[in-house]
Protein backbone atom coordinates (compact mmCIF):
# COMPACT_ATOMS: atom_id res chain seq x y z
CA MET A 1 10.30 -2.45 3.83
CA LEU A 2 7.09 -0.46 3.87
CA TYR A 3 4.51 -0.10 1.15
CA GLU A 4 1.79 2.34 0.54
CA VAL A 5 -1.40 0.71 -0.51
CA THR A 6 -4.25 2.51 -2.12
CA TYR A 7 -7.45 0.65 -2.52
CA THR A 8 -11.03 1.48 -3.68
CA SER A 9 -14.35 -0.39 -3.56
CA ARG A 10 -17.12 -0.74 -6.03
CA GLU A 11 -18.87 1.99 -4.21
CA PRO A 12 -18.13 5.72 -5.20
CA ASP A 13 -16.12 6.30 -2.16
CA ALA A 14 -12.70 8.08 -2.35
CA PRO A 15 -9.80 5.80 -2.39
CA THR A 16 -8.22 4.73 0.89
CA ARG A 17 -4.48 4.87 1.52
CA THR A 18 -2.49 3.13 4.12
CA VAL A 19 1.14 2.23 4.87
CA THR A 20 1.97 -1.41 5.86
CA ASP A 21 4.60 -4.16 5.60
CA ALA A 22 4.54 -7.06 3.33
CA ALA A 23 2.17 -9.15 5.44
CA GLY A 24 -0.27 -6.29 5.45
CA VAL A 25 -0.04 -5.99 1.70
CA THR A 26 -0.86 -9.69 1.33
CA GLU A 27 -3.93 -9.25 3.51
CA LEU A 28 -5.19 -6.14 1.79
CA VAL A 29 -4.81 -7.78 -1.67
CA ARG A 30 -6.65 -10.84 -0.44
CA GLN A 31 -9.48 -8.72 0.85
CA ALA A 32 -9.64 -6.71 -2.21
CA ALA A 33 -9.76 -9.71 -4.43
CA ALA A 34 -12.58 -11.06 -2.35
CA ALA A 35 -14.55 -7.77 -2.61
CA GLY A 36 -13.73 -7.21 -6.35
CA SER A 37 -11.92 -3.88 -5.77
CA ARG A 38 -8.71 -2.49 -7.06
CA VAL A 39 -5.39 -2.16 -5.19
CA HIS A 40 -2.29 -0.21 -5.98
CA VAL A 41 0.90 -1.10 -4.17
CA ARG A 42 3.91 1.24 -4.11
CA PRO A 43 7.18 0.54 -2.23
CA LEU A 44 8.26 3.36 0.01
CA PRO A 45 12.02 4.09 0.05
CA ASP A 46 13.97 2.93 3.01
CA GLU A 47 15.23 5.80 5.19
CA ASP A 48 18.66 4.19 5.14
CA SER A 49 18.89 4.39 1.49
CA ASP A 50 18.21 8.10 1.23
CA PRO A 51 21.43 9.72 0.27
CA ALA A 52 20.48 13.02 1.87
CA ALA A 53 20.04 11.17 5.17
CA SER A 54 23.74 10.16 5.28
CA GLN A 55 25.17 13.69 4.93
């Protein structure tokens, strides 16, 4: 499964988005916690679970 991760720093930069797997999410959350920044994680739907893809 893949996840979209959005994270921001304390600086006024725009949020950064990336797509990663569970191991990448763990590392980004660890880095954000150390830096005192926010992280938003959203699971992306599996391509296999898309009903339109099976038609």
